[in-house]
Structure formats: C-alpha cells, structure tokens
Amino acid sequence: MPIPRMRLLKDAAAEVKKLDPRTAVTPYFIRKLAIEGKVKSTMAGRKRLINFDDLLDYLNQLPNISPEDGNIRRIG
C-alpha cells in the first residue's frame, strides 16, 4: 500500500503553486477545505497535515459554475 503524500499546509500551497504558478489557491482555502472535511487531513501537534493527493483530486473535480446555474448574476 502506498504511503499518502502528507504536506504541511504551507507546503501543500507551495506545491500547488509550483504546478500552476498563477493559481489562486491559498493556504487559507486549503485550511478551510481540511476543516470542512472536503480533503483528508490530520493534526500533528499544532500543525495540520494535508493529504496532497486528496487535495489534487478535490481540485480536479470542482464543478464548473456558469451564470445559467443561478449562482452567479450578470453585472451590467
């Protein structure tokens, strides 16, 4: 069984930034996903370890939101 790639919050954000230099994903966003249980994480003392593979899977499966969905309104 492969060992999961666990990263500290800042390191996970830095690796996403390496994969996509223009990303808008921040450590705060990743922390929020972990606290809400949307990505796997565990506490190691006072630090949160993020399952990096689970984070990438989550980011790859985000739904596309269009103005027709009613979630976004047009301006102008």
PDB file of N, CA and C in Angstrom:
ATOM      1  N   MET A   1       0.841  -1.169   0.000  1.00  0.00           N
ATOM      2  CA  MET A   1       0.000   0.000   0.000  1.00  0.00           C
ATOM      3  C   MET A   1       0.895   1.244   0.000  1.00  0.00           C
ATOM      4  N   PRO A   2       0.649   2.185  -0.926  1.00  0.00           N
ATOM      5  CA  PRO A   2       1.495   3.378  -0.987  1.00  0.00           C
ATOM      6  C   PRO A   2       1.228   4.318   0.195  1.00  0.00           C
ATOM      7  N   ILE A   3       2.257   4.988   0.615  1.00  0.00           N
ATOM      8  CA  ILE A   3       2.144   5.954   1.709  1.00  0.00           C
ATOM      9  C   ILE A   3       1.583   7.257   1.136  1.00  0.00           C
ATOM     10  N   PRO A   4       0.562   7.855   1.779  1.00  0.00           N
ATOM     11  CA  PRO A   4      -0.003   9.100   1.265  1.00  0.00           C
ATOM     12  C   PRO A   4       1.017  10.241   1.373  1.00  0.00           C
ATOM     13  N   ARG A   5       0.971  11.140   0.422  1.00  0.00           N
ATOM     14  CA  ARG A   5       1.861  12.303   0.451  1.00  0.00           C
ATOM     15  C   ARG A   5       1.235  13.353   1.357  1.00  0.00           C
ATOM     16  N   MET A   6       1.706  13.411   2.591  1.00  0.00           N
ATOM     17  CA  MET A   6       1.189  14.363   3.566  1.00  0.00           C
ATOM     18  C   MET A   6       2.086  15.595   3.565  1.00  0.00           C
ATOM     19  N   ARG A   7       1.462  16.771   3.525  1.00  0.00           N
ATOM     20  CA  ARG A   7       2.202  18.028   3.486  1.00  0.00           C
ATOM     21  C   ARG A   7       1.657  18.979   4.538  1.00  0.00           C
ATOM     22  N   LEU A   8       2.543  19.809   5.083  1.00  0.00           N
ATOM     23  CA  LEU A   8       2.074  20.899   5.919  1.00  0.00           C
ATOM     24  C   LEU A   8       1.263  21.843   5.048  1.00  0.00           C
ATOM     25  N   LEU A   9       0.390  22.594   5.663  1.00  0.00           N
ATOM     26  CA  LEU A   9      -0.492  23.479   4.923  1.00  0.00           C
ATOM     27  C   LEU A   9       0.268  24.390   3.954  1.00  0.00           C
ATOM     28  N   LYS A  10       1.287  25.074   4.459  1.00  0.00           N
ATOM     29  CA  LYS A  10       2.069  25.984   3.610  1.00  0.00           C
ATOM     30  C   LYS A  10       2.756  25.233   2.476  1.00  0.00           C
ATOM     31  N   ASP A  11       3.265  24.034   2.770  1.00  0.00           N
ATOM     32  CA  ASP A  11       3.956  23.246   1.748  1.00  0.00           C
ATOM     33  C   ASP A  11       2.995  22.763   0.667  1.00  0.00           C
ATOM     34  N   ALA A  12       1.776  22.406   1.064  1.00  0.00           N
ATOM     35  CA  ALA A  12       0.771  21.986   0.084  1.00  0.00           C
ATOM     36  C   ALA A  12       0.450  23.146  -0.852  1.00  0.00           C
ATOM     37  N   ALA A  13       0.279  24.340  -0.290  1.00  0.00           N
ATOM     38  CA  ALA A  13       0.003  25.517  -1.117  1.00  0.00           C
ATOM     39  C   ALA A  13       1.182  25.820  -2.036  1.00  0.00           C
ATOM     40  N   ALA A  14       2.401  25.660  -1.537  1.00  0.00           N
ATOM     41  CA  ALA A  14       3.590  25.914  -2.355  1.00  0.00           C
ATOM     42  C   ALA A  14       3.698  24.913  -3.502  1.00  0.00           C
ATOM     43  N   GLU A  15       3.355  23.655  -3.251  1.00  0.00           N
ATOM     44  CA  GLU A  15       3.417  22.647  -4.322  1.00  0.00           C
ATOM     45  C   GLU A  15       2.355  22.902  -5.387  1.00  0.00           C
ATOM     46  N   VAL A  16       1.162  23.327  -4.959  1.00  0.00           N
ATOM     47  CA  VAL A  16       0.134  23.682  -5.943  1.00  0.00           C
ATOM     48  C   VAL A  16       0.631  24.860  -6.772  1.00  0.00           C
ATOM     49  N   LYS A  17       1.281  25.813  -6.124  1.00  0.00           N
ATOM     50  CA  LYS A  17       1.830  26.989  -6.817  1.00  0.00           C
ATOM     51  C   LYS A  17       2.908  26.572  -7.823  1.00  0.00           C
ATOM     52  N   LYS A  18       3.706  25.554  -7.489  1.00  0.00           N
ATOM     53  CA  LYS A  18       4.720  25.044  -8.427  1.00  0.00           C
ATOM     54  C   LYS A  18       4.063  24.426  -9.656  1.00  0.00           C
ATOM     55  N   LEU A  19       2.966  23.683  -9.432  1.00  0.00           N
ATOM     56  CA  LEU A  19       2.266  23.042 -10.539  1.00  0.00           C
ATOM     57  C   LEU A  19       1.564  24.072 -11.423  1.00  0.00           C
ATOM     58  N   ASP A  20       1.055  25.146 -10.808  1.00  0.00           N
ATOM     59  CA  ASP A  20       0.359  26.204 -11.532  1.00  0.00           C
ATOM     60  C   ASP A  20       0.762  27.541 -10.924  1.00  0.00           C
ATOM     61  N   PRO A  21       1.764  28.212 -11.508  1.00  0.00           N
ATOM     62  CA  PRO A  21       2.262  29.461 -10.932  1.00  0.00           C
ATOM     63  C   PRO A  21       1.209  30.568 -10.783  1.00  0.00           C
ATOM     64  N   ARG A  22       0.145  30.520 -11.567  1.00  0.00           N
ATOM     65  CA  ARG A  22      -0.878  31.563 -11.489  1.00  0.00           C
ATOM     66  C   ARG A  22      -2.103  31.131 -10.683  1.00  0.00           C
ATOM     67  N   THR A  23      -1.963  30.104  -9.863  1.00  0.00           N
ATOM     68  CA  THR A  23      -3.098  29.592  -9.092  1.00  0.00           C
ATOM     69  C   THR A  23      -3.613  30.620  -8.094  1.00  0.00           C
ATOM     70  N   ALA A  24      -4.875  30.502  -7.781  1.00  0.00           N
ATOM     71  CA  ALA A  24      -5.490  31.349  -6.761  1.00  0.00           C
ATOM     72  C   ALA A  24      -5.686  30.575  -5.454  1.00  0.00           C
ATOM     73  N   VAL A  25      -5.225  29.337  -5.402  1.00  0.00           N
ATOM     74  CA  VAL A  25      -5.362  28.506  -4.203  1.00  0.00           C
ATOM     75  C   VAL A  25      -4.390  29.023  -3.142  1.00  0.00           C
ATOM     76  N   THR A  26      -4.930  29.310  -1.961  1.00  0.00           N
ATOM     77  CA  THR A  26      -4.135  29.864  -0.862  1.00  0.00           C
ATOM     78  C   THR A  26      -4.103  28.885   0.314  1.00  0.00           C
ATOM     79  N   PRO A  27      -3.170  29.084   1.241  1.00  0.00           N
ATOM     80  CA  PRO A  27      -3.168  28.242   2.436  1.00  0.00           C
ATOM     81  C   PRO A  27      -4.492  28.351   3.213  1.00  0.00           C
ATOM     82  N   TYR A  28      -5.094  29.529   3.235  1.00  0.00           N
ATOM     83  CA  TYR A  28      -6.375  29.708   3.925  1.00  0.00           C
ATOM     84  C   TYR A  28      -7.454  28.829   3.289  1.00  0.00           C
ATOM     85  N   PHE A  29      -7.517  28.799   1.960  1.00  0.00           N
ATOM     86  CA  PHE A  29      -8.501  27.985   1.249  1.00  0.00           C
ATOM     87  C   PHE A  29      -8.289  26.501   1.562  1.00  0.00           C
ATOM     88  N   ILE A  30      -7.035  26.055   1.558  1.00  0.00           N
ATOM     89  CA  ILE A  30      -6.734  24.647   1.847  1.00  0.00           C
ATOM     90  C   ILE A  30      -7.110  24.323   3.294  1.00  0.00           C
ATOM     91  N   ARG A  31      -6.813  25.228   4.221  1.00  0.00           N
ATOM     92  CA  ARG A  31      -7.170  25.026   5.629  1.00  0.00           C
ATOM     93  C   ARG A  31      -8.685  24.881   5.769  1.00  0.00           C
ATOM     94  N   LYS A  32      -9.425  25.727   5.072  1.00  0.00           N
ATOM     95  CA  LYS A  32     -10.883  25.680   5.119  1.00  0.00           C
ATOM     96  C   LYS A  32     -11.413  24.345   4.584  1.00  0.00           C
ATOM     97  N   LEU A  33     -10.842  23.869   3.483  1.00  0.00           N
ATOM     98  CA  LEU A  33     -11.241  22.574   2.928  1.00  0.00           C
ATOM     99  C   LEU A  33     -10.987  21.455   3.928  1.00  0.00           C
ATOM    100  N   ALA A  34      -9.853  21.521   4.614  1.00  0.00           N
ATOM    101  CA  ALA A  34      -9.499  20.482   5.580  1.00  0.00           C
ATOM    102  C   ALA A  34     -10.438  20.518   6.785  1.00  0.00           C
ATOM    103  N   ILE A  35     -10.720  21.692   7.295  1.00  0.00           N
ATOM    104  CA  ILE A  35     -11.597  21.819   8.466  1.00  0.00           C
ATOM    105  C   ILE A  35     -13.008  21.340   8.128  1.00  0.00           C
ATOM    106  N   GLU A  36     -13.468  21.627   6.906  1.00  0.00           N
ATOM    107  CA  GLU A  36     -14.812  21.211   6.486  1.00  0.00           C
ATOM    108  C   GLU A  36     -14.865  19.732   6.102  1.00  0.00           C
ATOM    109  N   GLY A  37     -13.716  19.066   6.078  1.00  0.00           N
ATOM    110  CA  GLY A  37     -13.670  17.645   5.764  1.00  0.00           C
ATOM    111  C   GLY A  37     -13.745  17.339   4.276  1.00  0.00           C
ATOM    112  N   LYS A  38     -13.514  18.332   3.445  1.00  0.00           N
ATOM    113  CA  LYS A  38     -13.573  18.121   1.998  1.00  0.00           C
ATOM    114  C   LYS A  38     -12.292  17.488   1.469  1.00  0.00           C
ATOM    115  N   VAL A  39     -11.186  17.669   2.183  1.00  0.00           N
ATOM    116  CA  VAL A  39      -9.933  16.962   1.875  1.00  0.00           C
ATOM    117  C   VAL A  39      -9.441  16.317   3.165  1.00  0.00           C
ATOM    118  N   LYS A  40      -8.766  15.191   3.033  1.00  0.00           N
ATOM    119  CA  LYS A  40      -8.286  14.461   4.203  1.00  0.00           C
ATOM    120  C   LYS A  40      -7.120  15.212   4.844  1.00  0.00           C
ATOM    121  N   SER A  41      -7.155  15.279   6.153  1.00  0.00           N
ATOM    122  CA  SER A  41      -6.069  15.920   6.888  1.00  0.00           C
ATOM    123  C   SER A  41      -6.014  15.328   8.290  1.00  0.00           C
ATOM    124  N   THR A  42      -4.922  15.596   8.968  1.00  0.00           N
ATOM    125  CA  THR A  42      -4.766  15.163  10.354  1.00  0.00           C
ATOM    126  C   THR A  42      -3.917  16.189  11.075  1.00  0.00           C
ATOM    127  N   MET A  43      -4.100  16.276  12.362  1.00  0.00           N
ATOM    128  CA  MET A  43      -3.303  17.193  13.158  1.00  0.00           C
ATOM    129  C   MET A  43      -2.061  16.464  13.667  1.00  0.00           C
ATOM    130  N   ALA A  44      -0.937  17.140  13.585  1.00  0.00           N
ATOM    131  CA  ALA A  44       0.318  16.635  14.136  1.00  0.00           C
ATOM    132  C   ALA A  44       0.791  17.684  15.132  1.00  0.00           C
ATOM    133  N   GLY A  45       0.368  17.538  16.363  1.00  0.00           N
ATOM    134  CA  GLY A  45       0.618  18.583  17.345  1.00  0.00           C
ATOM    135  C   GLY A  45      -0.287  19.765  17.032  1.00  0.00           C
ATOM    136  N   ARG A  46       0.325  20.910  16.781  1.00  0.00           N
ATOM    137  CA  ARG A  46      -0.448  22.107  16.439  1.00  0.00           C
ATOM    138  C   ARG A  46      -0.504  22.352  14.941  1.00  0.00           C
ATOM    139  N   LYS A  47       0.122  21.480  14.173  1.00  0.00           N
ATOM    140  CA  LYS A  47       0.189  21.661  12.719  1.00  0.00           C
ATOM    141  C   LYS A  47      -0.772  20.708  12.017  1.00  0.00           C
ATOM    142  N   ARG A  48      -1.333  21.177  10.922  1.00  0.00           N
ATOM    143  CA  ARG A  48      -2.259  20.359  10.154  1.00  0.00           C
ATOM    144  C   ARG A  48      -1.532  19.781   8.948  1.00  0.00           C
ATOM    145  N   LEU A  49      -1.601  18.448   8.805  1.00  0.00           N
ATOM    146  CA  LEU A  49      -1.023  17.769   7.651  1.00  0.00           C
ATOM    147  C   LEU A  49      -2.136  17.490   6.653  1.00  0.00           C
ATOM    148  N   ILE A  50      -1.906  17.863   5.411  1.00  0.00           N
ATOM    149  CA  ILE A  50      -2.883  17.714   4.342  1.00  0.00           C
ATOM    150  C   ILE A  50      -2.477  16.541   3.460  1.00  0.00           C
ATOM    151  N   ASN A  51      -3.438  15.695   3.113  1.00  0.00           N
ATOM    152  CA  ASN A  51      -3.186  14.625   2.154  1.00  0.00           C
ATOM    153  C   ASN A  51      -3.143  15.297   0.777  1.00  0.00           C
ATOM    154  N   PHE A  52      -1.944  15.448   0.222  1.00  0.00           N
ATOM    155  CA  PHE A  52      -1.750  16.209  -1.010  1.00  0.00           C
ATOM    156  C   PHE A  52      -2.467  15.580  -2.201  1.00  0.00           C
ATOM    157  N   ASP A  53      -2.468  14.261  -2.276  1.00  0.00           N
ATOM    158  CA  ASP A  53      -3.152  13.583  -3.381  1.00  0.00           C
ATOM    159  C   ASP A  53      -4.665  13.831  -3.321  1.00  0.00           C
ATOM    160  N   ASP A  54      -5.226  13.816  -2.115  1.00  0.00           N
ATOM    161  CA  ASP A  54      -6.647  14.079  -1.945  1.00  0.00           C
ATOM    162  C   ASP A  54      -6.973  15.530  -2.320  1.00  0.00           C
ATOM    163  N   LEU A  55      -6.086  16.451  -1.974  1.00  0.00           N
ATOM    164  CA  LEU A  55      -6.264  17.859  -2.343  1.00  0.00           C
ATOM    165  C   LEU A  55      -6.298  18.020  -3.862  1.00  0.00           C
ATOM    166  N   LEU A  56      -5.351  17.376  -4.556  1.00  0.00           N
ATOM    167  CA  LEU A  56      -5.322  17.472  -6.016  1.00  0.00           C
ATOM    168  C   LEU A  56      -6.572  16.856  -6.634  1.00  0.00           C
ATOM    169  N   ASP A  57      -7.021  15.723  -6.090  1.00  0.00           N
ATOM    170  CA  ASP A  57      -8.255  15.099  -6.581  1.00  0.00           C
ATOM    171  C   ASP A  57      -9.441  16.046  -6.409  1.00  0.00           C
ATOM    172  N   TYR A  58      -9.530  16.684  -5.246  1.00  0.00           N
ATOM    173  CA  TYR A  58     -10.626  17.613  -4.991  1.00  0.00           C
ATOM    174  C   TYR A  58     -10.588  18.779  -5.980  1.00  0.00           C
ATOM    175  N   LEU A  59      -9.416  19.347  -6.186  1.00  0.00           N
ATOM    176  CA  LEU A  59      -9.301  20.491  -7.090  1.00  0.00           C
ATOM    177  C   LEU A  59      -9.608  20.110  -8.534  1.00  0.00           C
ATOM    178  N   ASN A  60      -9.289  18.883  -8.920  1.00  0.00           N
ATOM    179  CA  ASN A  60      -9.580  18.426 -10.279  1.00  0.00           C
ATOM    180  C   ASN A  60     -11.054  18.126 -10.499  1.00  0.00           C
ATOM    181  N   GLN A  61     -11.818  17.919  -9.438  1.00  0.00           N
ATOM    182  CA  GLN A  61     -13.217  17.541  -9.568  1.00  0.00           C
ATOM    183  C   GLN A  61     -14.176  18.663  -9.206  1.00  0.00           C
ATOM    184  N   LEU A  62     -13.693  19.897  -9.108  1.00  0.00           N
ATOM    185  CA  LEU A  62     -14.589  21.006  -8.796  1.00  0.00           C
ATOM    186  C   LEU A  62     -15.608  21.173  -9.915  1.00  0.00           C
ATOM    187  N   PRO A  63     -16.851  21.417  -9.568  1.00  0.00           N
ATOM    188  CA  PRO A  63     -17.863  21.609 -10.610  1.00  0.00           C
ATOM    189  C   PRO A  63     -17.669  22.953 -11.306  1.00  0.00           C
ATOM    190  N   ASN A  64     -17.997  22.992 -12.583  1.00  0.00           N
ATOM    191  CA  ASN A  64     -17.966  24.250 -13.318  1.00  0.00           C
ATOM    192  C   ASN A  64     -19.255  24.995 -13.022  1.00  0.00           C
ATOM    193  N   ILE A  65     -19.130  26.254 -12.633  1.00  0.00           N
ATOM    194  CA  ILE A  65     -20.301  27.065 -12.326  1.00  0.00           C
ATOM    195  C   ILE A  65     -20.483  28.065 -13.467  1.00  0.00           C
ATOM    196  N   SER A  66     -21.683  28.113 -13.987  1.00  0.00           N
ATOM    197  CA  SER A  66     -21.968  29.054 -15.068  1.00  0.00           C
ATOM    198  C   SER A  66     -23.064  30.007 -14.620  1.00  0.00           C
ATOM    199  N   PRO A  67     -23.184  31.158 -15.261  1.00  0.00           N
ATOM    200  CA  PRO A  67     -24.224  32.114 -14.876  1.00  0.00           C
ATOM    201  C   PRO A  67     -25.632  31.529 -14.975  1.00  0.00           C
ATOM    202  N   GLU A  68     -25.838  30.540 -15.839  1.00  0.00           N
ATOM    203  CA  GLU A  68     -27.153  29.939 -16.001  1.00  0.00           C
ATOM    204  C   GLU A  68     -27.561  29.104 -14.790  1.00  0.00           C
ATOM    205  N   ASP A  69     -26.608  28.741 -13.942  1.00  0.00           N
ATOM    206  CA  ASP A  69     -26.906  27.927 -12.763  1.00  0.00           C
ATOM    207  C   ASP A  69     -27.639  28.725 -11.698  1.00  0.00           C
ATOM    208  N   GLY A  70     -27.664  30.037 -11.838  1.00  0.00           N
ATOM    209  CA  GLY A  70     -28.323  30.866 -10.840  1.00  0.00           C
ATOM    210  C   GLY A  70     -27.434  31.222  -9.682  1.00  0.00           C
ATOM    211  N   ASN A  71     -26.212  30.731  -9.645  1.00  0.00           N
ATOM    212  CA  ASN A  71     -25.303  31.051  -8.544  1.00  0.00           C
ATOM    213  C   ASN A  71     -24.553  32.351  -8.781  1.00  0.00           C
ATOM    214  N   ILE A  72     -24.448  32.742 -10.024  1.00  0.00           N
ATOM    215  CA  ILE A  72     -23.707  33.951 -10.369  1.00  0.00           C
ATOM    216  C   ILE A  72     -24.648  34.839 -11.159  1.00  0.00           C
ATOM    217  N   ARG A  73     -24.695  36.108 -10.797  1.00  0.00           N
ATOM    218  CA  ARG A  73     -25.548  37.002 -11.568  1.00  0.00           C
ATOM    219  C   ARG A  73     -24.694  37.889 -12.464  1.00  0.00           C
ATOM    220  N   ARG A  74     -25.255  38.247 -13.565  1.00  0.00           N
ATOM    221  CA  ARG A  74     -24.554  39.126 -14.503  1.00  0.00           C
ATOM    222  C   ARG A  74     -24.571  40.553 -13.973  1.00  0.00           C
ATOM    223  N   ILE A  75     -23.507  41.271 -14.225  1.00  0.00           N
ATOM    224  CA  ILE A  75     -23.414  42.683 -13.850  1.00  0.00           C
ATOM    225  C   ILE A  75     -23.362  43.490 -15.134  1.00  0.00           C
ATOM    226  N   GLY A  76     -24.173  44.492 -15.188  1.00  0.00           N
ATOM    227  CA  GLY A  76     -24.130  45.399 -16.359  1.00  0.00           C
ATOM    228  C   GLY A  76     -25.165  45.202 -17.365  1.00  0.00           C
TER     229      GLY A  76
END
